[in-house]
Full PDB file with SEQRES, HELIX, SHEET, SSBOND, CRYST1, ORIGX, SCALE, CONECT and MASTER records, all heavy atoms in Angstrom:
SEQRES   1 A   30  TYR LEU VAL TYR THR LYS TYR TYR SER ASP ASN GLN THR          
SEQRES   2 A   30  SER ASP MET HIS LYS TYR PHE ASN ASP ALA LYS LYS ILE          
SEQRES   3 A   30  TYR ALA LEU THR                                              
HELIX    1 AA1 LEU A    2  LEU A    2  1                                   1    
HELIX    2 AA2 VAL A    3  TYR A    7  3                                   5    
HELIX    3 AA3 ASP A   15  LEU A   29  1                                  15    
CRYST1    1.000    1.000    1.000  90.00  90.00  90.00 P 1           1          
ORIGX1      1.000000  0.000000  0.000000        0.00000                         
ORIGX2      0.000000  1.000000  0.000000        0.00000                         
ORIGX3      0.000000  0.000000  1.000000        0.00000                         
SCALE1      1.000000  0.000000  0.000000        0.00000                         
SCALE2      0.000000  1.000000  0.000000        0.00000                         
SCALE3      0.000000  0.000000  1.000000        0.00000                         
ATOM      1  N   TYR A   1     -22.144  40.809  -8.032  1.00  0.00           N  
ATOM      2  CA  TYR A   1     -22.064  41.965  -7.129  1.00  0.00           C  
ATOM      3  C   TYR A   1     -23.178  41.911  -6.082  1.00  0.00           C  
ATOM      4  O   TYR A   1     -22.934  42.159  -4.890  1.00  0.00           O  
ATOM      5  CB  TYR A   1     -22.158  43.261  -7.932  1.00  0.00           C  
ATOM      6  CG  TYR A   1     -22.292  44.488  -7.057  1.00  0.00           C  
ATOM      7  CD1 TYR A   1     -21.174  45.080  -6.484  1.00  0.00           C  
ATOM      8  CD2 TYR A   1     -23.555  45.043  -6.792  1.00  0.00           C  
ATOM      9  CE1 TYR A   1     -21.292  46.185  -5.671  1.00  0.00           C  
ATOM     10  CE2 TYR A   1     -23.679  46.153  -5.978  1.00  0.00           C  
ATOM     11  CZ  TYR A   1     -22.548  46.713  -5.417  1.00  0.00           C  
ATOM     12  OH  TYR A   1     -22.672  47.805  -4.592  1.00  0.00           O  
ATOM     13  N   LEU A   2     -24.373  41.583  -6.503  1.00  0.00           N  
ATOM     14  CA  LEU A   2     -25.503  41.541  -5.577  1.00  0.00           C  
ATOM     15  C   LEU A   2     -25.326  40.438  -4.537  1.00  0.00           C  
ATOM     16  O   LEU A   2     -25.612  40.639  -3.351  1.00  0.00           O  
ATOM     17  CB  LEU A   2     -26.806  41.340  -6.353  1.00  0.00           C  
ATOM     18  CG  LEU A   2     -27.255  42.521  -7.214  1.00  0.00           C  
ATOM     19  CD1 LEU A   2     -28.471  42.154  -8.053  1.00  0.00           C  
ATOM     20  CD2 LEU A   2     -27.551  43.749  -6.349  1.00  0.00           C  
ATOM     21  N   VAL A   3     -24.841  39.279  -4.964  1.00  0.00           N  
ATOM     22  CA  VAL A   3     -24.610  38.178  -4.021  1.00  0.00           C  
ATOM     23  C   VAL A   3     -23.576  38.572  -2.983  1.00  0.00           C  
ATOM     24  O   VAL A   3     -23.762  38.350  -1.773  1.00  0.00           O  
ATOM     25  CB  VAL A   3     -24.160  36.901  -4.774  1.00  0.00           C  
ATOM     26  CG1 VAL A   3     -23.637  35.846  -3.788  1.00  0.00           C  
ATOM     27  CG2 VAL A   3     -25.308  36.325  -5.591  1.00  0.00           C  
ATOM     28  N   TYR A   4     -22.479  39.193  -3.438  1.00  0.00           N  
ATOM     29  CA  TYR A   4     -21.387  39.531  -2.524  1.00  0.00           C  
ATOM     30  C   TYR A   4     -21.617  40.855  -1.791  1.00  0.00           C  
ATOM     31  O   TYR A   4     -20.772  41.274  -1.004  1.00  0.00           O  
ATOM     32  CB  TYR A   4     -20.059  39.555  -3.279  1.00  0.00           C  
ATOM     33  CG  TYR A   4     -19.416  38.190  -3.312  1.00  0.00           C  
ATOM     34  CD1 TYR A   4     -19.823  37.246  -4.253  1.00  0.00           C  
ATOM     35  CD2 TYR A   4     -18.443  37.822  -2.385  1.00  0.00           C  
ATOM     36  CE1 TYR A   4     -19.263  35.976  -4.278  1.00  0.00           C  
ATOM     37  CE2 TYR A   4     -17.874  36.565  -2.412  1.00  0.00           C  
ATOM     38  CZ  TYR A   4     -18.288  35.642  -3.349  1.00  0.00           C  
ATOM     39  OH  TYR A   4     -17.739  34.377  -3.371  1.00  0.00           O  
ATOM     40  N   THR A   5     -22.736  41.503  -2.066  1.00  0.00           N  
ATOM     41  CA  THR A   5     -23.079  42.733  -1.342  1.00  0.00           C  
ATOM     42  C   THR A   5     -24.270  42.512  -0.417  1.00  0.00           C  
ATOM     43  O   THR A   5     -24.258  42.952   0.738  1.00  0.00           O  
ATOM     44  CB  THR A   5     -23.409  43.871  -2.332  1.00  0.00           C  
ATOM     45  OG1 THR A   5     -22.278  44.096  -3.176  1.00  0.00           O  
ATOM     46  CG2 THR A   5     -23.711  45.162  -1.583  1.00  0.00           C  
ATOM     47  N   LYS A   6     -25.281  41.811  -0.919  1.00  0.00           N  
ATOM     48  CA  LYS A   6     -26.504  41.599  -0.137  1.00  0.00           C  
ATOM     49  C   LYS A   6     -26.417  40.359   0.754  1.00  0.00           C  
ATOM     50  O   LYS A   6     -26.781  40.407   1.932  1.00  0.00           O  
ATOM     51  CB  LYS A   6     -27.710  41.476  -1.074  1.00  0.00           C  
ATOM     52  CG  LYS A   6     -27.919  42.683  -1.985  1.00  0.00           C  
ATOM     53  CD  LYS A   6     -28.194  43.959  -1.188  1.00  0.00           C  
ATOM     54  CE  LYS A   6     -28.471  45.140  -2.125  1.00  0.00           C  
ATOM     55  NZ  LYS A   6     -28.700  46.402  -1.368  1.00  0.00           N  
ATOM     56  N   TYR A   7     -25.913  39.252   0.181  1.00  0.00           N  
ATOM     57  CA  TYR A   7     -25.853  38.002   0.953  1.00  0.00           C  
ATOM     58  C   TYR A   7     -24.638  37.991   1.876  1.00  0.00           C  
ATOM     59  O   TYR A   7     -24.748  37.729   3.060  1.00  0.00           O  
ATOM     60  CB  TYR A   7     -25.824  36.802   0.006  1.00  0.00           C  
ATOM     61  CG  TYR A   7     -25.888  35.477   0.720  1.00  0.00           C  
ATOM     62  CD1 TYR A   7     -27.087  35.004   1.248  1.00  0.00           C  
ATOM     63  CD2 TYR A   7     -24.753  34.691   0.873  1.00  0.00           C  
ATOM     64  CE1 TYR A   7     -27.147  33.796   1.915  1.00  0.00           C  
ATOM     65  CE2 TYR A   7     -24.796  33.478   1.534  1.00  0.00           C  
ATOM     66  CZ  TYR A   7     -26.000  33.030   2.052  1.00  0.00           C  
ATOM     67  OH  TYR A   7     -26.053  31.836   2.720  1.00  0.00           O  
ATOM     68  N   TYR A   8     -23.475  38.284   1.304  1.00  0.00           N  
ATOM     69  CA  TYR A   8     -22.257  38.413   2.117  1.00  0.00           C  
ATOM     70  C   TYR A   8     -22.085  39.892   2.443  1.00  0.00           C  
ATOM     71  O   TYR A   8     -21.245  40.578   1.874  1.00  0.00           O  
ATOM     72  CB  TYR A   8     -21.042  37.880   1.362  1.00  0.00           C  
ATOM     73  CG  TYR A   8     -21.130  36.405   1.020  1.00  0.00           C  
ATOM     74  CD1 TYR A   8     -21.429  35.991  -0.288  1.00  0.00           C  
ATOM     75  CD2 TYR A   8     -20.937  35.428   1.985  1.00  0.00           C  
ATOM     76  CE1 TYR A   8     -21.524  34.646  -0.611  1.00  0.00           C  
ATOM     77  CE2 TYR A   8     -21.025  34.067   1.665  1.00  0.00           C  
ATOM     78  CZ  TYR A   8     -21.317  33.691   0.369  1.00  0.00           C  
ATOM     79  OH  TYR A   8     -21.408  32.354   0.044  1.00  0.00           O  
ATOM     80  N   SER A   9     -22.863  40.365   3.367  1.00  0.00           N  
ATOM     81  CA  SER A   9     -22.936  41.811   3.625  1.00  0.00           C  
ATOM     82  C   SER A   9     -21.792  42.330   4.500  1.00  0.00           C  
ATOM     83  O   SER A   9     -21.554  43.535   4.561  1.00  0.00           O  
ATOM     84  CB  SER A   9     -24.271  42.162   4.288  1.00  0.00           C  
ATOM     85  OG  SER A   9     -24.463  41.395   5.462  1.00  0.00           O  
ATOM     86  N   ASP A  10     -21.063  41.423   5.159  1.00  0.00           N  
ATOM     87  CA  ASP A  10     -19.941  41.833   6.008  1.00  0.00           C  
ATOM     88  C   ASP A  10     -18.704  42.018   5.135  1.00  0.00           C  
ATOM     89  O   ASP A  10     -18.207  41.063   4.525  1.00  0.00           O  
ATOM     90  CB  ASP A  10     -19.682  40.775   7.076  1.00  0.00           C  
ATOM     91  CG  ASP A  10     -18.575  41.186   8.050  1.00  0.00           C  
ATOM     92  OD1 ASP A  10     -17.990  42.276   7.879  1.00  0.00           O  
ATOM     93  OD2 ASP A  10     -18.294  40.412   8.983  1.00  0.00           O  
ATOM     94  N   ASN A  11     -18.201  43.243   5.067  1.00  0.00           N  
ATOM     95  CA  ASN A  11     -17.039  43.528   4.226  1.00  0.00           C  
ATOM     96  C   ASN A  11     -15.771  42.816   4.680  1.00  0.00           C  
ATOM     97  O   ASN A  11     -14.789  42.751   3.944  1.00  0.00           O  
ATOM     98  CB  ASN A  11     -16.775  45.044   4.180  1.00  0.00           C  
ATOM     99  CG  ASN A  11     -17.780  45.765   3.309  1.00  0.00           C  
ATOM    100  OD1 ASN A  11     -18.609  45.134   2.650  1.00  0.00           O  
ATOM    101  ND2 ASN A  11     -17.744  47.081   3.313  1.00  0.00           N  
ATOM    102  N   GLN A  12     -15.784  42.298   5.908  1.00  0.00           N  
ATOM    103  CA  GLN A  12     -14.617  41.569   6.409  1.00  0.00           C  
ATOM    104  C   GLN A  12     -14.617  40.116   5.942  1.00  0.00           C  
ATOM    105  O   GLN A  12     -13.597  39.428   6.049  1.00  0.00           O  
ATOM    106  CB  GLN A  12     -14.591  41.619   7.942  1.00  0.00           C  
ATOM    107  CG  GLN A  12     -14.394  43.013   8.512  1.00  0.00           C  
ATOM    108  CD  GLN A  12     -13.060  43.619   8.103  1.00  0.00           C  
ATOM    109  OE1 GLN A  12     -12.002  43.025   8.302  1.00  0.00           O  
ATOM    110  NE2 GLN A  12     -13.111  44.803   7.521  1.00  0.00           N  
ATOM    111  N   THR A  13     -15.733  39.642   5.431  1.00  0.00           N  
ATOM    112  CA  THR A  13     -15.811  38.262   4.944  1.00  0.00           C  
ATOM    113  C   THR A  13     -16.125  38.188   3.455  1.00  0.00           C  
ATOM    114  O   THR A  13     -15.908  37.154   2.825  1.00  0.00           O  
ATOM    115  CB  THR A  13     -16.890  37.469   5.720  1.00  0.00           C  
ATOM    116  OG1 THR A  13     -18.149  38.129   5.567  1.00  0.00           O  
ATOM    117  CG2 THR A  13     -16.530  37.378   7.196  1.00  0.00           C  
ATOM    118  N   SER A  14     -16.642  39.259   2.884  1.00  0.00           N  
ATOM    119  CA  SER A  14     -16.951  39.289   1.454  1.00  0.00           C  
ATOM    120  C   SER A  14     -15.666  39.522   0.668  1.00  0.00           C  
ATOM    121  O   SER A  14     -15.091  40.615   0.711  1.00  0.00           O  
ATOM    122  CB  SER A  14     -17.955  40.412   1.158  1.00  0.00           C  
ATOM    123  OG  SER A  14     -18.116  40.578  -0.229  1.00  0.00           O  
ATOM    124  N   ASP A  15     -15.202  38.487  -0.042  1.00  0.00           N  
ATOM    125  CA  ASP A  15     -13.912  38.577  -0.735  1.00  0.00           C  
ATOM    126  C   ASP A  15     -13.841  39.770  -1.676  1.00  0.00           C  
ATOM    127  O   ASP A  15     -12.824  40.468  -1.736  1.00  0.00           O  
ATOM    128  CB  ASP A  15     -13.650  37.292  -1.523  1.00  0.00           C  
ATOM    129  CG  ASP A  15     -13.257  36.127  -0.618  1.00  0.00           C  
ATOM    130  OD1 ASP A  15     -13.013  36.374   0.573  1.00  0.00           O  
ATOM    131  OD2 ASP A  15     -13.215  34.994  -1.106  1.00  0.00           O  
ATOM    132  N   MET A  16     -14.897  39.988  -2.441  1.00  0.00           N  
ATOM    133  CA  MET A  16     -14.888  41.087  -3.406  1.00  0.00           C  
ATOM    134  C   MET A  16     -14.644  42.424  -2.725  1.00  0.00           C  
ATOM    135  O   MET A  16     -13.801  43.217  -3.163  1.00  0.00           O  
ATOM    136  CB  MET A  16     -16.206  41.133  -4.177  1.00  0.00           C  
ATOM    137  CG  MET A  16     -16.282  42.275  -5.191  1.00  0.00           C  
ATOM    138  SD  MET A  16     -17.872  42.366  -6.036  1.00  0.00           S  
ATOM    139  CE  MET A  16     -18.939  42.916  -4.686  1.00  0.00           C  
ATOM    140  N   HIS A  17     -15.351  42.679  -1.639  1.00  0.00           N  
ATOM    141  CA  HIS A  17     -15.264  43.977  -0.977  1.00  0.00           C  
ATOM    142  C   HIS A  17     -13.986  44.123  -0.152  1.00  0.00           C  
ATOM    143  O   HIS A  17     -13.412  45.214  -0.087  1.00  0.00           O  
ATOM    144  CB  HIS A  17     -16.491  44.197  -0.094  1.00  0.00           C  
ATOM    145  CG  HIS A  17     -17.734  44.494  -0.870  1.00  0.00           C  
ATOM    146  ND1 HIS A  17     -17.943  45.699  -1.507  1.00  0.00           N  
ATOM    147  CD2 HIS A  17     -18.830  43.735  -1.136  1.00  0.00           C  
ATOM    148  CE1 HIS A  17     -19.114  45.679  -2.124  1.00  0.00           C  
ATOM    149  NE2 HIS A  17     -19.672  44.502  -1.907  1.00  0.00           N  
ATOM    150  N   LYS A  18     -13.527  43.043   0.464  1.00  0.00           N  
ATOM    151  CA  LYS A  18     -12.355  43.199   1.325  1.00  0.00           C  
ATOM    152  C   LYS A  18     -11.089  43.486   0.518  1.00  0.00           C  
ATOM    153  O   LYS A  18     -10.246  44.283   0.938  1.00  0.00           O  
ATOM    154  CB  LYS A  18     -12.177  41.975   2.231  1.00  0.00           C  
ATOM    155  CG  LYS A  18     -11.787  40.673   1.561  1.00  0.00           C  
ATOM    156  CD  LYS A  18     -11.804  39.533   2.582  1.00  0.00           C  
ATOM    157  CE  LYS A  18     -11.271  38.246   2.014  1.00  0.00           C  
ATOM    158  NZ  LYS A  18     -11.358  37.123   2.977  1.00  0.00           N  
ATOM    159  N   TYR A  19     -10.972  42.899  -0.673  1.00  0.00           N  
ATOM    160  CA  TYR A  19      -9.805  43.198  -1.510  1.00  0.00           C  
ATOM    161  C   TYR A  19      -9.936  44.575  -2.159  1.00  0.00           C  
ATOM    162  O   TYR A  19      -8.932  45.279  -2.342  1.00  0.00           O  
ATOM    163  CB  TYR A  19      -9.628  42.111  -2.577  1.00  0.00           C  
ATOM    164  CG  TYR A  19      -9.403  40.737  -2.000  1.00  0.00           C  
ATOM    165  CD1 TYR A  19     -10.008  39.611  -2.538  1.00  0.00           C  
ATOM    166  CD2 TYR A  19      -8.577  40.561  -0.885  1.00  0.00           C  
ATOM    167  CE1 TYR A  19      -9.806  38.351  -2.001  1.00  0.00           C  
ATOM    168  CE2 TYR A  19      -8.372  39.299  -0.345  1.00  0.00           C  
ATOM    169  CZ  TYR A  19      -8.992  38.200  -0.905  1.00  0.00           C  
ATOM    170  OH  TYR A  19      -8.795  36.949  -0.363  1.00  0.00           O  
ATOM    171  N   PHE A  20     -11.165  44.948  -2.480  1.00  0.00           N  
ATOM    172  CA  PHE A  20     -11.413  46.284  -3.030  1.00  0.00           C  
ATOM    173  C   PHE A  20     -11.083  47.349  -1.987  1.00  0.00           C  
ATOM    174  O   PHE A  20     -10.440  48.366  -2.298  1.00  0.00           O  
ATOM    175  CB  PHE A  20     -12.873  46.388  -3.465  1.00  0.00           C  
ATOM    176  CG  PHE A  20     -13.250  47.725  -4.041  1.00  0.00           C  
ATOM    177  CD1 PHE A  20     -12.791  48.124  -5.279  1.00  0.00           C  
ATOM    178  CD2 PHE A  20     -14.086  48.586  -3.334  1.00  0.00           C  
ATOM    179  CE1 PHE A  20     -13.148  49.352  -5.818  1.00  0.00           C  
ATOM    180  CE2 PHE A  20     -14.448  49.822  -3.857  1.00  0.00           C  
ATOM    181  CZ  PHE A  20     -13.974  50.200  -5.104  1.00  0.00           C  
ATOM    182  N   ASN A  21     -11.479  47.122  -0.752  1.00  0.00           N  
ATOM    183  CA  ASN A  21     -11.225  48.091   0.324  1.00  0.00           C  
ATOM    184  C   ASN A  21      -9.741  48.194   0.653  1.00  0.00           C  
ATOM    185  O   ASN A  21      -9.247  49.284   0.972  1.00  0.00           O  
ATOM    186  CB  ASN A  21     -12.027  47.725   1.571  1.00  0.00           C  
ATOM    187  CG  ASN A  21     -13.513  47.958   1.391  1.00  0.00           C  
ATOM    188  OD1 ASN A  21     -13.920  48.775   0.568  1.00  0.00           O  
ATOM    189  ND2 ASN A  21     -14.336  47.239   2.138  1.00  0.00           N  
ATOM    190  N   ASP A  22      -9.026  47.077   0.590  1.00  0.00           N  
ATOM    191  CA  ASP A  22      -7.580  47.123   0.807  1.00  0.00           C  
ATOM    192  C   ASP A  22      -6.901  47.977  -0.265  1.00  0.00           C  
ATOM    193  O   ASP A  22      -5.983  48.752   0.018  1.00  0.00           O  
ATOM    194  CB  ASP A  22      -6.990  45.714   0.806  1.00  0.00           C  
ATOM    195  CG  ASP A  22      -6.703  45.206   2.218  1.00  0.00           C  
ATOM    196  OD1 ASP A  22      -7.100  45.877   3.189  1.00  0.00           O  
ATOM    197  OD2 ASP A  22      -6.073  44.145   2.359  1.00  0.00           O  
ATOM    198  N   ALA A  23      -7.348  47.823  -1.501  1.00  0.00           N  
ATOM    199  CA  ALA A  23      -6.795  48.633  -2.602  1.00  0.00           C  
ATOM    200  C   ALA A  23      -7.074  50.113  -2.368  1.00  0.00           C  
ATOM    201  O   ALA A  23      -6.208  50.968  -2.615  1.00  0.00           O  
ATOM    202  CB  ALA A  23      -7.378  48.178  -3.935  1.00  0.00           C  
ATOM    203  N   LYS A  24      -8.266  50.432  -1.883  1.00  0.00           N  
ATOM    204  CA  LYS A  24      -8.604  51.834  -1.603  1.00  0.00           C  
ATOM    205  C   LYS A  24      -7.717  52.398  -0.488  1.00  0.00           C  
ATOM    206  O   LYS A  24      -7.330  53.577  -0.538  1.00  0.00           O  
ATOM    207  CB  LYS A  24     -10.079  51.960  -1.232  1.00  0.00           C  
ATOM    208  CG  LYS A  24     -11.025  51.787  -2.406  1.00  0.00           C  
ATOM    209  CD  LYS A  24     -12.393  52.424  -2.159  1.00  0.00           C  
ATOM    210  CE  LYS A  24     -13.113  51.819  -1.002  1.00  0.00           C  
ATOM    211  NZ  LYS A  24     -14.475  52.407  -0.820  1.00  0.00           N  
ATOM    212  N   LYS A  25      -7.394  51.576   0.500  1.00  0.00           N  
ATOM    213  CA  LYS A  25      -6.497  52.024   1.573  1.00  0.00           C  
ATOM    214  C   LYS A  25      -5.116  52.339   1.019  1.00  0.00           C  
ATOM    215  O   LYS A  25      -4.509  53.358   1.368  1.00  0.00           O  
ATOM    216  CB  LYS A  25      -6.389  50.946   2.663  1.00  0.00           C  
ATOM    217  CG  LYS A  25      -7.613  50.817   3.551  1.00  0.00           C  
ATOM    218  CD  LYS A  25      -7.380  49.755   4.620  1.00  0.00           C  
ATOM    219  CE  LYS A  25      -8.612  49.576   5.490  1.00  0.00           C  
ATOM    220  NZ  LYS A  25      -8.408  48.508   6.506  1.00  0.00           N  
ATOM    221  N   ILE A  26      -4.616  51.453   0.161  1.00  0.00           N  
ATOM    222  CA  ILE A  26      -3.304  51.698  -0.455  1.00  0.00           C  
ATOM    223  C   ILE A  26      -3.327  52.994  -1.257  1.00  0.00           C  
ATOM    224  O   ILE A  26      -2.413  53.816  -1.169  1.00  0.00           O  
ATOM    225  CB  ILE A  26      -2.903  50.525  -1.386  1.00  0.00           C  
ATOM    226  CG1 ILE A  26      -2.744  49.235  -0.587  1.00  0.00           C  
ATOM    227  CG2 ILE A  26      -1.587  50.849  -2.110  1.00  0.00           C  
ATOM    228  CD1 ILE A  26      -2.548  48.006  -1.469  1.00  0.00           C  
ATOM    229  N   TYR A  27      -4.382  53.171  -2.032  1.00  0.00           N  
ATOM    230  CA  TYR A  27      -4.490  54.358  -2.879  1.00  0.00           C  
ATOM    231  C   TYR A  27      -4.517  55.631  -2.037  1.00  0.00           C  
ATOM    232  O   TYR A  27      -3.867  56.630  -2.385  1.00  0.00           O  
ATOM    233  CB  TYR A  27      -5.743  54.264  -3.747  1.00  0.00           C  
ATOM    234  CG  TYR A  27      -5.845  55.347  -4.789  1.00  0.00           C  
ATOM    235  CD1 TYR A  27      -4.907  55.428  -5.819  1.00  0.00           C  
ATOM    236  CD2 TYR A  27      -6.882  56.280  -4.757  1.00  0.00           C  
ATOM    237  CE1 TYR A  27      -4.998  56.412  -6.777  1.00  0.00           C  
ATOM    238  CE2 TYR A  27      -6.976  57.267  -5.722  1.00  0.00           C  
ATOM    239  CZ  TYR A  27      -6.037  57.332  -6.722  1.00  0.00           C  
ATOM    240  OH  TYR A  27      -6.118  58.310  -7.676  1.00  0.00           O  
ATOM    241  N   ALA A  28      -5.231  55.587  -0.919  1.00  0.00           N  
ATOM    242  CA  ALA A  28      -5.308  56.755  -0.033  1.00  0.00           C  
ATOM    243  C   ALA A  28      -3.958  57.034   0.618  1.00  0.00           C  
ATOM    244  O   ALA A  28      -3.539  58.190   0.732  1.00  0.00           O  
ATOM    245  CB  ALA A  28      -6.378  56.532   1.033  1.00  0.00           C  
ATOM    246  N   LEU A  29      -3.259  55.965   1.014  1.00  0.00           N  
ATOM    247  CA  LEU A  29      -1.975  56.124   1.698  1.00  0.00           C  
ATOM    248  C   LEU A  29      -0.860  56.560   0.748  1.00  0.00           C  
ATOM    249  O   LEU A  29       0.152  57.117   1.187  1.00  0.00           O  
ATOM    250  CB  LEU A  29      -1.581  54.803   2.384  1.00  0.00           C  
ATOM    251  CG  LEU A  29      -2.435  54.398   3.593  1.00  0.00           C  
ATOM    252  CD1 LEU A  29      -2.132  52.944   3.986  1.00  0.00           C  
ATOM    253  CD2 LEU A  29      -2.157  55.324   4.782  1.00  0.00           C  
ATOM    254  N   THR A  30      -1.028  56.288  -0.540  1.00  0.00           N  
ATOM    255  CA  THR A  30       0.034  56.614  -1.513  1.00  0.00           C  
ATOM    256  C   THR A  30      -0.373  57.745  -2.458  1.00  0.00           C  
ATOM    257  O   THR A  30       0.296  57.968  -3.469  1.00  0.00           O  
ATOM    258  CB  THR A  30       0.401  55.366  -2.344  1.00  0.00           C  
ATOM    259  OG1 THR A  30      -0.763  54.920  -3.070  1.00  0.00           O  
ATOM    260  CG2 THR A  30       0.906  54.242  -1.467  1.00  0.00           C  
TER     261      THR A  30                                                      
MASTER        0    0    0    3    0    0    0    6  260    1    0    3          
END                                                                             
């Protein structure tokens, strides 16, 4: 988590965060 949050800080390139954020968008829309 720290590597993909601190080192890969851009949510558009951090795989962990970009898939998590897409899921949150789906959840909000549905």
